[in-house]
Amino acid sequence: AYERGAGYLREQTEEMAGELKSFGINLNFAPVVDVNTNPDNPVI
């Protein structure tokens, strides 16, 4: 999403946030701020 541009990332995030808000979710464990420096990283 980030590589498609800031506008795309914002739009996708607004969709996700709006959906979570409609459910009643008040805490999202995001954003991931890990820097993926190891190409063999199995989890990030």
PDB file of all heavy atoms in Angstrom:
ATOM      1  N   ALA A   1       0.832  -1.205   0.000  1.00  0.00           N
ATOM      2  CA  ALA A   1       0.000   0.000   0.000  1.00  0.00           C
ATOM      3  C   ALA A   1       0.868   1.257   0.000  1.00  0.00           C
ATOM      4  O   ALA A   1       0.589   2.221  -0.732  1.00  0.00           O
ATOM      5  CB  ALA A   1      -0.926  -0.009   1.214  1.00  0.00           C
ATOM      6  N   TYR A   2       1.936   1.244   0.802  1.00  0.00           N
ATOM      7  CA  TYR A   2       2.833   2.397   0.864  1.00  0.00           C
ATOM      8  C   TYR A   2       3.496   2.643  -0.494  1.00  0.00           C
ATOM      9  O   TYR A   2       3.643   3.803  -0.928  1.00  0.00           O
ATOM     10  CB  TYR A   2       3.896   2.169   1.943  1.00  0.00           C
ATOM     11  CG  TYR A   2       4.938   3.253   2.011  1.00  0.00           C
ATOM     12  CD1 TYR A   2       4.649   4.478   2.612  1.00  0.00           C
ATOM     13  CD2 TYR A   2       6.212   3.059   1.463  1.00  0.00           C
ATOM     14  CE1 TYR A   2       5.615   5.476   2.667  1.00  0.00           C
ATOM     15  CE2 TYR A   2       7.172   4.054   1.521  1.00  0.00           C
ATOM     16  CZ  TYR A   2       6.867   5.264   2.119  1.00  0.00           C
ATOM     17  OH  TYR A   2       7.817   6.258   2.164  1.00  0.00           O
ATOM     18  N   GLU A   3       3.895   1.582  -1.159  1.00  0.00           N
ATOM     19  CA  GLU A   3       4.580   1.728  -2.447  1.00  0.00           C
ATOM     20  C   GLU A   3       3.649   2.251  -3.541  1.00  0.00           C
ATOM     21  O   GLU A   3       4.123   2.755  -4.567  1.00  0.00           O
ATOM     22  CB  GLU A   3       5.209   0.396  -2.857  1.00  0.00           C
ATOM     23  CG  GLU A   3       6.426   0.035  -1.992  1.00  0.00           C
ATOM     24  CD  GLU A   3       7.086  -1.269  -2.400  1.00  0.00           C
ATOM     25  OE1 GLU A   3       6.469  -2.038  -3.160  1.00  0.00           O
ATOM     26  OE2 GLU A   3       8.230  -1.520  -1.939  1.00  0.00           O
ATOM     27  N   ARG A   4       2.344   2.157  -3.340  1.00  0.00           N
ATOM     28  CA  ARG A   4       1.389   2.734  -4.298  1.00  0.00           C
ATOM     29  C   ARG A   4       1.192   4.233  -4.076  1.00  0.00           C
ATOM     30  O   ARG A   4       0.491   4.884  -4.850  1.00  0.00           O
ATOM     31  CB  ARG A   4       0.047   2.020  -4.222  1.00  0.00           C
ATOM     32  CG  ARG A   4       0.076   0.612  -4.791  1.00  0.00           C
ATOM     33  CD  ARG A   4      -1.307   0.148  -5.173  1.00  0.00           C
ATOM     34  NE  ARG A   4      -1.290  -1.192  -5.755  1.00  0.00           N
ATOM     35  CZ  ARG A   4      -2.342  -1.755  -6.354  1.00  0.00           C
ATOM     36  NH1 ARG A   4      -3.484  -1.086  -6.444  1.00  0.00           N
ATOM     37  NH2 ARG A   4      -2.254  -2.971  -6.842  1.00  0.00           N
ATOM     38  N   GLY A   5       1.778   4.738  -3.010  1.00  0.00           N
ATOM     39  CA  GLY A   5       1.710   6.173  -2.765  1.00  0.00           C
ATOM     40  C   GLY A   5       0.965   6.523  -1.493  1.00  0.00           C
ATOM     41  O   GLY A   5       0.138   5.757  -0.993  1.00  0.00           O
ATOM     42  N   ALA A   6       1.263   7.724  -0.979  1.00  0.00           N
ATOM     43  CA  ALA A   6       0.665   8.175   0.275  1.00  0.00           C
ATOM     44  C   ALA A   6      -0.855   8.233   0.187  1.00  0.00           C
ATOM     45  O   ALA A   6      -1.550   7.896   1.148  1.00  0.00           O
ATOM     46  CB  ALA A   6       1.234   9.544   0.647  1.00  0.00           C
ATOM     47  N   GLY A   7      -1.359   8.651  -0.963  1.00  0.00           N
ATOM     48  CA  GLY A   7      -2.810   8.749  -1.132  1.00  0.00           C
ATOM     49  C   GLY A   7      -3.484   7.398  -1.019  1.00  0.00           C
ATOM     50  O   GLY A   7      -4.541   7.261  -0.392  1.00  0.00           O
ATOM     51  N   TYR A   8      -2.865   6.406  -1.650  1.00  0.00           N
ATOM     52  CA  TYR A   8      -3.448   5.052  -1.602  1.00  0.00           C
ATOM     53  C   TYR A   8      -3.421   4.501  -0.181  1.00  0.00           C
ATOM     54  O   TYR A   8      -4.413   3.929   0.296  1.00  0.00           O
ATOM     55  CB  TYR A   8      -2.697   4.110  -2.538  1.00  0.00           C
ATOM     56  CG  TYR A   8      -3.371   2.765  -2.685  1.00  0.00           C
ATOM     57  CD1 TYR A   8      -4.252   2.514  -3.729  1.00  0.00           C
ATOM     58  CD2 TYR A   8      -3.153   1.748  -1.747  1.00  0.00           C
ATOM     59  CE1 TYR A   8      -4.891   1.285  -3.850  1.00  0.00           C
ATOM     60  CE2 TYR A   8      -3.786   0.528  -1.851  1.00  0.00           C
ATOM     61  CZ  TYR A   8      -4.647   0.299  -2.914  1.00  0.00           C
ATOM     62  OH  TYR A   8      -5.290  -0.918  -3.010  1.00  0.00           O
ATOM     63  N   LEU A   9      -2.283   4.658   0.500  1.00  0.00           N
ATOM     64  CA  LEU A   9      -2.175   4.161   1.873  1.00  0.00           C
ATOM     65  C   LEU A   9      -3.201   4.838   2.771  1.00  0.00           C
ATOM     66  O   LEU A   9      -3.851   4.178   3.588  1.00  0.00           O
ATOM     67  CB  LEU A   9      -0.765   4.407   2.411  1.00  0.00           C
ATOM     68  CG  LEU A   9      -0.535   4.025   3.879  1.00  0.00           C
ATOM     69  CD1 LEU A   9      -0.787   2.541   4.108  1.00  0.00           C
ATOM     70  CD2 LEU A   9       0.885   4.397   4.318  1.00  0.00           C
ATOM     71  N   ARG A  10      -3.370   6.135   2.626  1.00  0.00           N
ATOM     72  CA  ARG A  10      -4.352   6.845   3.447  1.00  0.00           C
ATOM     73  C   ARG A  10      -5.766   6.349   3.159  1.00  0.00           C
ATOM     74  O   ARG A  10      -6.555   6.104   4.077  1.00  0.00           O
ATOM     75  CB  ARG A  10      -4.262   8.357   3.197  1.00  0.00           C
ATOM     76  CG  ARG A  10      -5.247   9.172   4.027  1.00  0.00           C
ATOM     77  CD  ARG A  10      -4.978  10.667   3.861  1.00  0.00           C
ATOM     78  NE  ARG A  10      -3.710  11.050   4.458  1.00  0.00           N
ATOM     79  CZ  ARG A  10      -3.563  11.333   5.760  1.00  0.00           C
ATOM     80  NH1 ARG A  10      -4.597  11.255   6.585  1.00  0.00           N
ATOM     81  NH2 ARG A  10      -2.388  11.694   6.213  1.00  0.00           N
ATOM     82  N   GLU A  11      -6.081   6.181   1.878  1.00  0.00           N
ATOM     83  CA  GLU A  11      -7.425   5.730   1.518  1.00  0.00           C
ATOM     84  C   GLU A  11      -7.705   4.326   2.065  1.00  0.00           C
ATOM     85  O   GLU A  11      -8.783   4.066   2.624  1.00  0.00           O
ATOM     86  CB  GLU A  11      -7.584   5.729  -0.002  1.00  0.00           C
ATOM     87  CG  GLU A  11      -8.962   5.307  -0.472  1.00  0.00           C
ATOM     88  CD  GLU A  11      -9.096   5.352  -1.996  1.00  0.00           C
ATOM     89  OE1 GLU A  11      -8.219   5.943  -2.657  1.00  0.00           O
ATOM     90  OE2 GLU A  11     -10.070   4.775  -2.515  1.00  0.00           O
ATOM     91  N   GLN A  12      -6.740   3.417   1.926  1.00  0.00           N
ATOM     92  CA  GLN A  12      -6.940   2.066   2.439  1.00  0.00           C
ATOM     93  C   GLN A  12      -7.083   2.082   3.966  1.00  0.00           C
ATOM     94  O   GLN A  12      -7.934   1.374   4.525  1.00  0.00           O
ATOM     95  CB  GLN A  12      -5.773   1.166   2.040  1.00  0.00           C
ATOM     96  CG  GLN A  12      -5.854  -0.230   2.685  1.00  0.00           C
ATOM     97  CD  GLN A  12      -4.833  -1.198   2.154  1.00  0.00           C
ATOM     98  OE1 GLN A  12      -4.951  -1.668   1.022  1.00  0.00           O
ATOM     99  NE2 GLN A  12      -3.823  -1.529   2.961  1.00  0.00           N
ATOM    100  N   THR A  13      -6.252   2.881   4.631  1.00  0.00           N
ATOM    101  CA  THR A  13      -6.322   2.957   6.085  1.00  0.00           C
ATOM    102  C   THR A  13      -7.654   3.539   6.536  1.00  0.00           C
ATOM    103  O   THR A  13      -8.242   3.086   7.530  1.00  0.00           O
ATOM    104  CB  THR A  13      -5.161   3.797   6.633  1.00  0.00           C
ATOM    105  OG1 THR A  13      -3.925   3.270   6.154  1.00  0.00           O
ATOM    106  CG2 THR A  13      -5.136   3.773   8.153  1.00  0.00           C
ATOM    107  N   GLU A  14      -8.174   4.535   5.817  1.00  0.00           N
ATOM    108  CA  GLU A  14      -9.475   5.108   6.157  1.00  0.00           C
ATOM    109  C   GLU A  14     -10.584   4.076   6.022  1.00  0.00           C
ATOM    110  O   GLU A  14     -11.511   4.028   6.849  1.00  0.00           O
ATOM    111  CB  GLU A  14      -9.761   6.323   5.276  1.00  0.00           C
ATOM    112  CG  GLU A  14      -8.931   7.542   5.660  1.00  0.00           C
ATOM    113  CD  GLU A  14      -9.118   8.713   4.719  1.00  0.00           C
ATOM    114  OE1 GLU A  14      -9.688   8.504   3.618  1.00  0.00           O
ATOM    115  OE2 GLU A  14      -8.689   9.826   5.072  1.00  0.00           O
ATOM    116  N   GLU A  15     -10.491   3.214   5.011  1.00  0.00           N
ATOM    117  CA  GLU A  15     -11.478   2.146   4.853  1.00  0.00           C
ATOM    118  C   GLU A  15     -11.423   1.172   6.027  1.00  0.00           C
ATOM    119  O   GLU A  15     -12.454   0.792   6.599  1.00  0.00           O
ATOM    120  CB  GLU A  15     -11.236   1.388   3.546  1.00  0.00           C
ATOM    121  CG  GLU A  15     -11.588   2.159   2.296  1.00  0.00           C
ATOM    122  CD  GLU A  15     -11.289   1.355   1.041  1.00  0.00           C
ATOM    123  OE1 GLU A  15     -10.832   0.195   1.176  1.00  0.00           O
ATOM    124  OE2 GLU A  15     -11.501   1.876  -0.061  1.00  0.00           O
ATOM    125  N   MET A  16     -10.211   0.755   6.395  1.00  0.00           N
ATOM    126  CA  MET A  16     -10.058  -0.186   7.503  1.00  0.00           C
ATOM    127  C   MET A  16     -10.509   0.442   8.814  1.00  0.00           C
ATOM    128  O   MET A  16     -11.217  -0.195   9.616  1.00  0.00           O
ATOM    129  CB  MET A  16      -8.612  -0.664   7.610  1.00  0.00           C
ATOM    130  CG  MET A  16      -8.185  -1.604   6.501  1.00  0.00           C
ATOM    131  SD  MET A  16      -6.661  -2.519   6.880  1.00  0.00           S
ATOM    132  CE  MET A  16      -5.463  -1.200   6.891  1.00  0.00           C
ATOM    133  N   ALA A  17     -10.104   1.690   9.059  1.00  0.00           N
ATOM    134  CA  ALA A  17     -10.456   2.355  10.307  1.00  0.00           C
ATOM    135  C   ALA A  17     -11.963   2.553  10.412  1.00  0.00           C
ATOM    136  O   ALA A  17     -12.554   2.353  11.488  1.00  0.00           O
ATOM    137  CB  ALA A  17      -9.734   3.694  10.404  1.00  0.00           C
ATOM    138  N   GLY A  18     -12.595   2.926   9.302  1.00  0.00           N
ATOM    139  CA  GLY A  18     -14.042   3.110   9.314  1.00  0.00           C
ATOM    140  C   GLY A  18     -14.783   1.820   9.608  1.00  0.00           C
ATOM    141  O   GLY A  18     -15.769   1.803  10.354  1.00  0.00           O
ATOM    142  N   GLU A  19     -14.298   0.728   9.024  1.00  0.00           N
ATOM    143  CA  GLU A  19     -14.909  -0.572   9.274  1.00  0.00           C
ATOM    144  C   GLU A  19     -14.750  -0.982  10.736  1.00  0.00           C
ATOM    145  O   GLU A  19     -15.712  -1.424  11.383  1.00  0.00           O
ATOM    146  CB  GLU A  19     -14.281  -1.624   8.362  1.00  0.00           C
ATOM    147  CG  GLU A  19     -14.900  -3.001   8.497  1.00  0.00           C
ATOM    148  CD  GLU A  19     -14.295  -3.997   7.525  1.00  0.00           C
ATOM    149  OE1 GLU A  19     -13.045  -4.092   7.471  1.00  0.00           O
ATOM    150  OE2 GLU A  19     -15.058  -4.681   6.835  1.00  0.00           O
ATOM    151  N   LEU A  20     -13.541  -0.830  11.280  1.00  0.00           N
ATOM    152  CA  LEU A  20     -13.313  -1.184  12.676  1.00  0.00           C
ATOM    153  C   LEU A  20     -14.179  -0.334  13.602  1.00  0.00           C
ATOM    154  O   LEU A  20     -14.732  -0.836  14.584  1.00  0.00           O
ATOM    155  CB  LEU A  20     -11.839  -1.020  13.034  1.00  0.00           C
ATOM    156  CG  LEU A  20     -10.847  -1.946  12.318  1.00  0.00           C
ATOM    157  CD1 LEU A  20      -9.441  -1.709  12.849  1.00  0.00           C
ATOM    158  CD2 LEU A  20     -11.230  -3.413  12.468  1.00  0.00           C
ATOM    159  N   LYS A  21     -14.299   0.941  13.290  1.00  0.00           N
ATOM    160  CA  LYS A  21     -15.131   1.833  14.098  1.00  0.00           C
ATOM    161  C   LYS A  21     -16.587   1.372  14.082  1.00  0.00           C
ATOM    162  O   LYS A  21     -17.267   1.398  15.116  1.00  0.00           O
ATOM    163  CB  LYS A  21     -15.020   3.255  13.555  1.00  0.00           C
ATOM    164  CG  LYS A  21     -15.659   4.317  14.439  1.00  0.00           C
ATOM    165  CD  LYS A  21     -14.824   4.589  15.656  1.00  0.00           C
ATOM    166  CE  LYS A  21     -15.364   5.772  16.451  1.00  0.00           C
ATOM    167  NZ  LYS A  21     -14.570   6.033  17.658  1.00  0.00           N
ATOM    168  N   SER A  22     -17.067   0.926  12.924  1.00  0.00           N
ATOM    169  CA  SER A  22     -18.457   0.479  12.820  1.00  0.00           C
ATOM    170  C   SER A  22     -18.712  -0.777  13.647  1.00  0.00           C
ATOM    171  O   SER A  22     -19.823  -0.995  14.135  1.00  0.00           O
ATOM    172  CB  SER A  22     -18.818   0.218  11.353  1.00  0.00           C
ATOM    173  OG  SER A  22     -18.210  -0.974  10.859  1.00  0.00           O
ATOM    174  N   PHE A  23     -17.676  -1.613  13.807  1.00  0.00           N
ATOM    175  CA  PHE A  23     -17.808  -2.812  14.634  1.00  0.00           C
ATOM    176  C   PHE A  23     -17.828  -2.473  16.126  1.00  0.00           C
ATOM    177  O   PHE A  23     -18.402  -3.207  16.925  1.00  0.00           O
ATOM    178  CB  PHE A  23     -16.637  -3.776  14.394  1.00  0.00           C
ATOM    179  CG  PHE A  23     -16.597  -4.381  13.025  1.00  0.00           C
ATOM    180  CD1 PHE A  23     -15.380  -4.670  12.422  1.00  0.00           C
ATOM    181  CD2 PHE A  23     -17.749  -4.686  12.325  1.00  0.00           C
ATOM    182  CE1 PHE A  23     -15.314  -5.244  11.167  1.00  0.00           C
ATOM    183  CE2 PHE A  23     -17.702  -5.255  11.064  1.00  0.00           C
ATOM    184  CZ  PHE A  23     -16.487  -5.538  10.482  1.00  0.00           C
ATOM    185  N   GLY A  24     -17.149  -1.409  16.489  1.00  0.00           N
ATOM    186  CA  GLY A  24     -16.978  -1.065  17.899  1.00  0.00           C
ATOM    187  C   GLY A  24     -15.566  -1.260  18.402  1.00  0.00           C
ATOM    188  O   GLY A  24     -15.291  -1.115  19.595  1.00  0.00           O
ATOM    189  N   ILE A  25     -14.620  -1.571  17.498  1.00  0.00           N
ATOM    190  CA  ILE A  25     -13.208  -1.717  17.874  1.00  0.00           C
ATOM    191  C   ILE A  25     -12.651  -0.353  18.274  1.00  0.00           C
ATOM    192  O   ILE A  25     -12.886   0.647  17.596  1.00  0.00           O
ATOM    193  CB  ILE A  25     -12.399  -2.291  16.692  1.00  0.00           C
ATOM    194  CG1 ILE A  25     -12.796  -3.743  16.411  1.00  0.00           C
ATOM    195  CG2 ILE A  25     -10.899  -2.185  16.957  1.00  0.00           C
ATOM    196  CD1 ILE A  25     -12.420  -4.716  17.503  1.00  0.00           C
ATOM    197  N   ASN A  26     -11.897  -0.318  19.377  1.00  0.00           N
ATOM    198  CA  ASN A  26     -11.313   0.953  19.809  1.00  0.00           C
ATOM    199  C   ASN A  26      -9.793   0.918  19.927  1.00  0.00           C
ATOM    200  O   ASN A  26      -9.174   1.918  20.295  1.00  0.00           O
ATOM    201  CB  ASN A  26     -11.927   1.415  21.127  1.00  0.00           C
ATOM    202  CG  ASN A  26     -11.854   0.366  22.234  1.00  0.00           C
ATOM    203  OD1 ASN A  26     -10.853  -0.338  22.373  1.00  0.00           O
ATOM    204  ND2 ASN A  26     -12.925   0.263  23.026  1.00  0.00           N
ATOM    205  N   LEU A  27      -9.182  -0.235  19.621  1.00  0.00           N
ATOM    206  CA  LEU A  27      -7.721  -0.372  19.694  1.00  0.00           C
ATOM    207  C   LEU A  27      -7.232  -1.274  18.574  1.00  0.00           C
ATOM    208  O   LEU A  27      -7.677  -2.414  18.457  1.00  0.00           O
ATOM    209  CB  LEU A  27      -7.328  -0.966  21.056  1.00  0.00           C
ATOM    210  CG  LEU A  27      -5.884  -1.457  21.238  1.00  0.00           C
ATOM    211  CD1 LEU A  27      -4.874  -0.351  20.986  1.00  0.00           C
ATOM    212  CD2 LEU A  27      -5.695  -2.049  22.643  1.00  0.00           C
ATOM    213  N   ASN A  28      -6.339  -0.746  17.753  1.00  0.00           N
ATOM    214  CA  ASN A  28      -5.743  -1.539  16.681  1.00  0.00           C
ATOM    215  C   ASN A  28      -4.241  -1.648  16.929  1.00  0.00           C
ATOM    216  O   ASN A  28      -3.557  -0.639  17.118  1.00  0.00           O
ATOM    217  CB  ASN A  28      -5.990  -0.900  15.317  1.00  0.00           C
ATOM    218  CG  ASN A  28      -5.560  -1.811  14.176  1.00  0.00           C
ATOM    219  OD1 ASN A  28      -5.285  -2.987  14.370  1.00  0.00           O
ATOM    220  ND2 ASN A  28      -5.512  -1.257  12.967  1.00  0.00           N
ATOM    221  N   PHE A  29      -3.751  -2.889  16.960  1.00  0.00           N
ATOM    222  CA  PHE A  29      -2.318  -3.108  17.147  1.00  0.00           C
ATOM    223  C   PHE A  29      -1.599  -2.858  15.819  1.00  0.00           C
ATOM    224  O   PHE A  29      -1.157  -3.758  15.128  1.00  0.00           O
ATOM    225  CB  PHE A  29      -2.060  -4.513  17.689  1.00  0.00           C
ATOM    226  CG  PHE A  29      -2.585  -4.722  19.080  1.00  0.00           C
ATOM    227  CD1 PHE A  29      -3.435  -5.775  19.367  1.00  0.00           C
ATOM    228  CD2 PHE A  29      -2.248  -3.860  20.109  1.00  0.00           C
ATOM    229  CE1 PHE A  29      -3.928  -5.975  20.644  1.00  0.00           C
ATOM    230  CE2 PHE A  29      -2.727  -4.043  21.398  1.00  0.00           C
ATOM    231  CZ  PHE A  29      -3.577  -5.104  21.667  1.00  0.00           C
ATOM    232  N   ALA A  30      -1.490  -1.602  15.497  1.00  0.00           N
ATOM    233  CA  ALA A  30      -0.848  -1.088  14.292  1.00  0.00           C
ATOM    234  C   ALA A  30      -0.545   0.385  14.577  1.00  0.00           C
ATOM    235  O   ALA A  30      -1.172   0.995  15.445  1.00  0.00           O
ATOM    236  CB  ALA A  30      -1.778  -1.240  13.087  1.00  0.00           C
ATOM    237  N   PRO A  31       0.428   0.975  13.889  1.00  0.00           N
ATOM    238  CA  PRO A  31       1.171   0.436  12.749  1.00  0.00           C
ATOM    239  C   PRO A  31       2.382  -0.411  13.166  1.00  0.00           C
ATOM    240  O   PRO A  31       2.908  -0.259  14.265  1.00  0.00           O
ATOM    241  CB  PRO A  31       1.664   1.711  12.050  1.00  0.00           C
ATOM    242  CG  PRO A  31       1.850   2.687  13.182  1.00  0.00           C
ATOM    243  CD  PRO A  31       0.745   2.386  14.156  1.00  0.00           C
ATOM    244  N   VAL A  32       2.797  -1.269  12.244  1.00  0.00           N
ATOM    245  CA  VAL A  32       4.067  -1.970  12.367  1.00  0.00           C
ATOM    246  C   VAL A  32       5.163  -0.963  12.018  1.00  0.00           C
ATOM    247  O   VAL A  32       5.160  -0.397  10.928  1.00  0.00           O
ATOM    248  CB  VAL A  32       4.129  -3.176  11.402  1.00  0.00           C
ATOM    249  CG1 VAL A  32       5.529  -3.768  11.357  1.00  0.00           C
ATOM    250  CG2 VAL A  32       3.113  -4.235  11.818  1.00  0.00           C
ATOM    251  N   VAL A  33       6.058  -0.713  12.964  1.00  0.00           N
ATOM    252  CA  VAL A  33       7.152   0.232  12.684  1.00  0.00           C
ATOM    253  C   VAL A  33       8.508  -0.471  12.684  1.00  0.00           C
ATOM    254  O   VAL A  33       9.548   0.167  12.847  1.00  0.00           O
ATOM    255  CB  VAL A  33       7.136   1.445  13.653  1.00  0.00           C
ATOM    256  CG1 VAL A  33       5.876   2.254  13.468  1.00  0.00           C
ATOM    257  CG2 VAL A  33       7.302   1.025  15.099  1.00  0.00           C
ATOM    258  N   ASP A  34       8.478  -1.786  12.478  1.00  0.00           N
ATOM    259  CA  ASP A  34       9.724  -2.516  12.272  1.00  0.00           C
ATOM    260  C   ASP A  34      10.340  -2.099  10.940  1.00  0.00           C
ATOM    261  O   ASP A  34       9.630  -1.830   9.959  1.00  0.00           O
ATOM    262  CB  ASP A  34       9.450  -4.023  12.242  1.00  0.00           C
ATOM    263  CG  ASP A  34       8.767  -4.508  13.509  1.00  0.00           C
ATOM    264  OD1 ASP A  34       9.344  -4.347  14.581  1.00  0.00           O
ATOM    265  OD2 ASP A  34       7.652  -5.046  13.403  1.00  0.00           O
ATOM    266  N   VAL A  35      11.656  -2.064  10.898  1.00  0.00           N
ATOM    267  CA  VAL A  35      12.383  -1.791   9.651  1.00  0.00           C
ATOM    268  C   VAL A  35      12.907  -3.133   9.156  1.00  0.00           C
ATOM    269  O   VAL A  35      13.759  -3.753   9.789  1.00  0.00           O
ATOM    270  CB  VAL A  35      13.554  -0.808   9.896  1.00  0.00           C
ATOM    271  CG1 VAL A  35      14.252  -0.487   8.575  1.00  0.00           C
ATOM    272  CG2 VAL A  35      13.044   0.470  10.571  1.00  0.00           C
ATOM    273  N   ASN A  36      12.380  -3.598   8.042  1.00  0.00           N
ATOM    274  CA  ASN A  36      12.670  -4.961   7.586  1.00  0.00           C
ATOM    275  C   ASN A  36      14.025  -5.033   6.878  1.00  0.00           C
ATOM    276  O   ASN A  36      14.110  -5.134   5.654  1.00  0.00           O
ATOM    277  CB  ASN A  36      11.556  -5.470   6.666  1.00  0.00           C
ATOM    278  CG  ASN A  36      11.645  -6.969   6.451  1.00  0.00           C
ATOM    279  OD1 ASN A  36      11.587  -7.734   7.409  1.00  0.00           O
ATOM    280  ND2 ASN A  36      11.803  -7.381   5.204  1.00  0.00           N
ATOM    281  N   THR A  37      15.100  -5.004   7.659  1.00  0.00           N
ATOM    282  CA  THR A  37      16.447  -4.966   7.085  1.00  0.00           C
ATOM    283  C   THR A  37      16.967  -6.339   6.674  1.00  0.00           C
ATOM    284  O   THR A  37      17.937  -6.427   5.920  1.00  0.00           O
ATOM    285  CB  THR A  37      17.429  -4.354   8.089  1.00  0.00           C
ATOM    286  OG1 THR A  37      17.342  -5.067   9.336  1.00  0.00           O
ATOM    287  CG2 THR A  37      17.107  -2.889   8.342  1.00  0.00           C
ATOM    288  N   ASN A  38      16.360  -7.398   7.174  1.00  0.00           N
ATOM    289  CA  ASN A  38      16.828  -8.752   6.846  1.00  0.00           C
ATOM    290  C   ASN A  38      15.877  -9.384   5.831  1.00  0.00           C
ATOM    291  O   ASN A  38      14.724  -9.684   6.161  1.00  0.00           O
ATOM    292  CB  ASN A  38      16.895  -9.607   8.114  1.00  0.00           C
ATOM    293  CG  ASN A  38      17.633 -10.918   7.891  1.00  0.00           C
ATOM    294  OD1 ASN A  38      17.558 -11.513   6.815  1.00  0.00           O
ATOM    295  ND2 ASN A  38      18.354 -11.393   8.892  1.00  0.00           N
ATOM    296  N   PRO A  39      16.320  -9.614   4.596  1.00  0.00           N
ATOM    297  CA  PRO A  39      15.429 -10.188   3.574  1.00  0.00           C
ATOM    298  C   PRO A  39      14.966 -11.599   3.902  1.00  0.00           C
ATOM    299  O   PRO A  39      13.992 -12.084   3.310  1.00  0.00           O
ATOM    300  CB  PRO A  39      16.295 -10.162   2.302  1.00  0.00           C
ATOM    301  CG  PRO A  39      17.707 -10.117   2.797  1.00  0.00           C
ATOM    302  CD  PRO A  39      17.671  -9.338   4.068  1.00  0.00           C
ATOM    303  N   ASP A  40      15.639 -12.268   4.842  1.00  0.00           N
ATOM    304  CA  ASP A  40      15.241 -13.621   5.239  1.00  0.00           C
ATOM    305  C   ASP A  40      14.332 -13.621   6.468  1.00  0.00           C
ATOM    306  O   ASP A  40      14.065 -14.676   7.039  1.00  0.00           O
ATOM    307  CB  ASP A  40      16.484 -14.472   5.536  1.00  0.00           C
ATOM    308  CG  ASP A  40      17.343 -14.679   4.303  1.00  0.00           C
ATOM    309  OD1 ASP A  40      16.781 -14.840   3.206  1.00  0.00           O
ATOM    310  OD2 ASP A  40      18.583 -14.673   4.437  1.00  0.00           O
ATOM    311  N   ASN A  41      13.856 -12.445   6.845  1.00  0.00           N
ATOM    312  CA  ASN A  41      12.975 -12.340   8.010  1.00  0.00           C
ATOM    313  C   ASN A  41      11.690 -13.122   7.757  1.00  0.00           C
ATOM    314  O   ASN A  41      10.975 -12.847   6.793  1.00  0.00           O
ATOM    315  CB  ASN A  41      12.643 -10.866   8.267  1.00  0.00           C
ATOM    316  CG  ASN A  41      12.031 -10.616   9.628  1.00  0.00           C
ATOM    317  OD1 ASN A  41      11.085 -11.283  10.024  1.00  0.00           O
ATOM    318  ND2 ASN A  41      12.558  -9.639  10.342  1.00  0.00           N
ATOM    319  N   PRO A  42      11.345 -14.087   8.616  1.00  0.00           N
ATOM    320  CA  PRO A  42      10.200 -14.943   8.352  1.00  0.00           C
ATOM    321  C   PRO A  42       8.865 -14.394   8.841  1.00  0.00           C
ATOM    322  O   PRO A  42       7.812 -14.951   8.523  1.00  0.00           O
ATOM    323  CB  PRO A  42      10.547 -16.220   9.122  1.00  0.00           C
ATOM    324  CG  PRO A  42      11.312 -15.715  10.316  1.00  0.00           C
ATOM    325  CD  PRO A  42      12.098 -14.530   9.812  1.00  0.00           C
ATOM    326  N   VAL A  43       8.890 -13.314   9.616  1.00  0.00           N
ATOM    327  CA  VAL A  43       7.659 -12.870  10.262  1.00  0.00           C
ATOM    328  C   VAL A  43       7.251 -11.443   9.899  1.00  0.00           C
ATOM    329  O   VAL A  43       6.073 -11.113   9.909  1.00  0.00           O
ATOM    330  CB  VAL A  43       7.771 -13.024  11.801  1.00  0.00           C
ATOM    331  CG1 VAL A  43       8.841 -12.103  12.364  1.00  0.00           C
ATOM    332  CG2 VAL A  43       6.438 -12.801  12.488  1.00  0.00           C
ATOM    333  N   ILE A  44       8.197 -10.578   9.531  1.00  0.00           N
ATOM    334  CA  ILE A  44       7.853  -9.189   9.228  1.00  0.00           C
ATOM    335  C   ILE A  44       7.645  -9.008   7.716  1.00  0.00           C
ATOM    336  O   ILE A  44       6.529  -8.870   7.256  1.00  0.00           O
ATOM    337  CB  ILE A  44       8.917  -8.218   9.767  1.00  0.00           C
ATOM    338  CG1 ILE A  44       9.058  -8.387  11.287  1.00  0.00           C
ATOM    339  CG2 ILE A  44       8.519  -6.778   9.439  1.00  0.00           C
ATOM    340  CD1 ILE A  44       7.787  -8.142  12.081  1.00  0.00           C
TER     341      ILE A  44
END
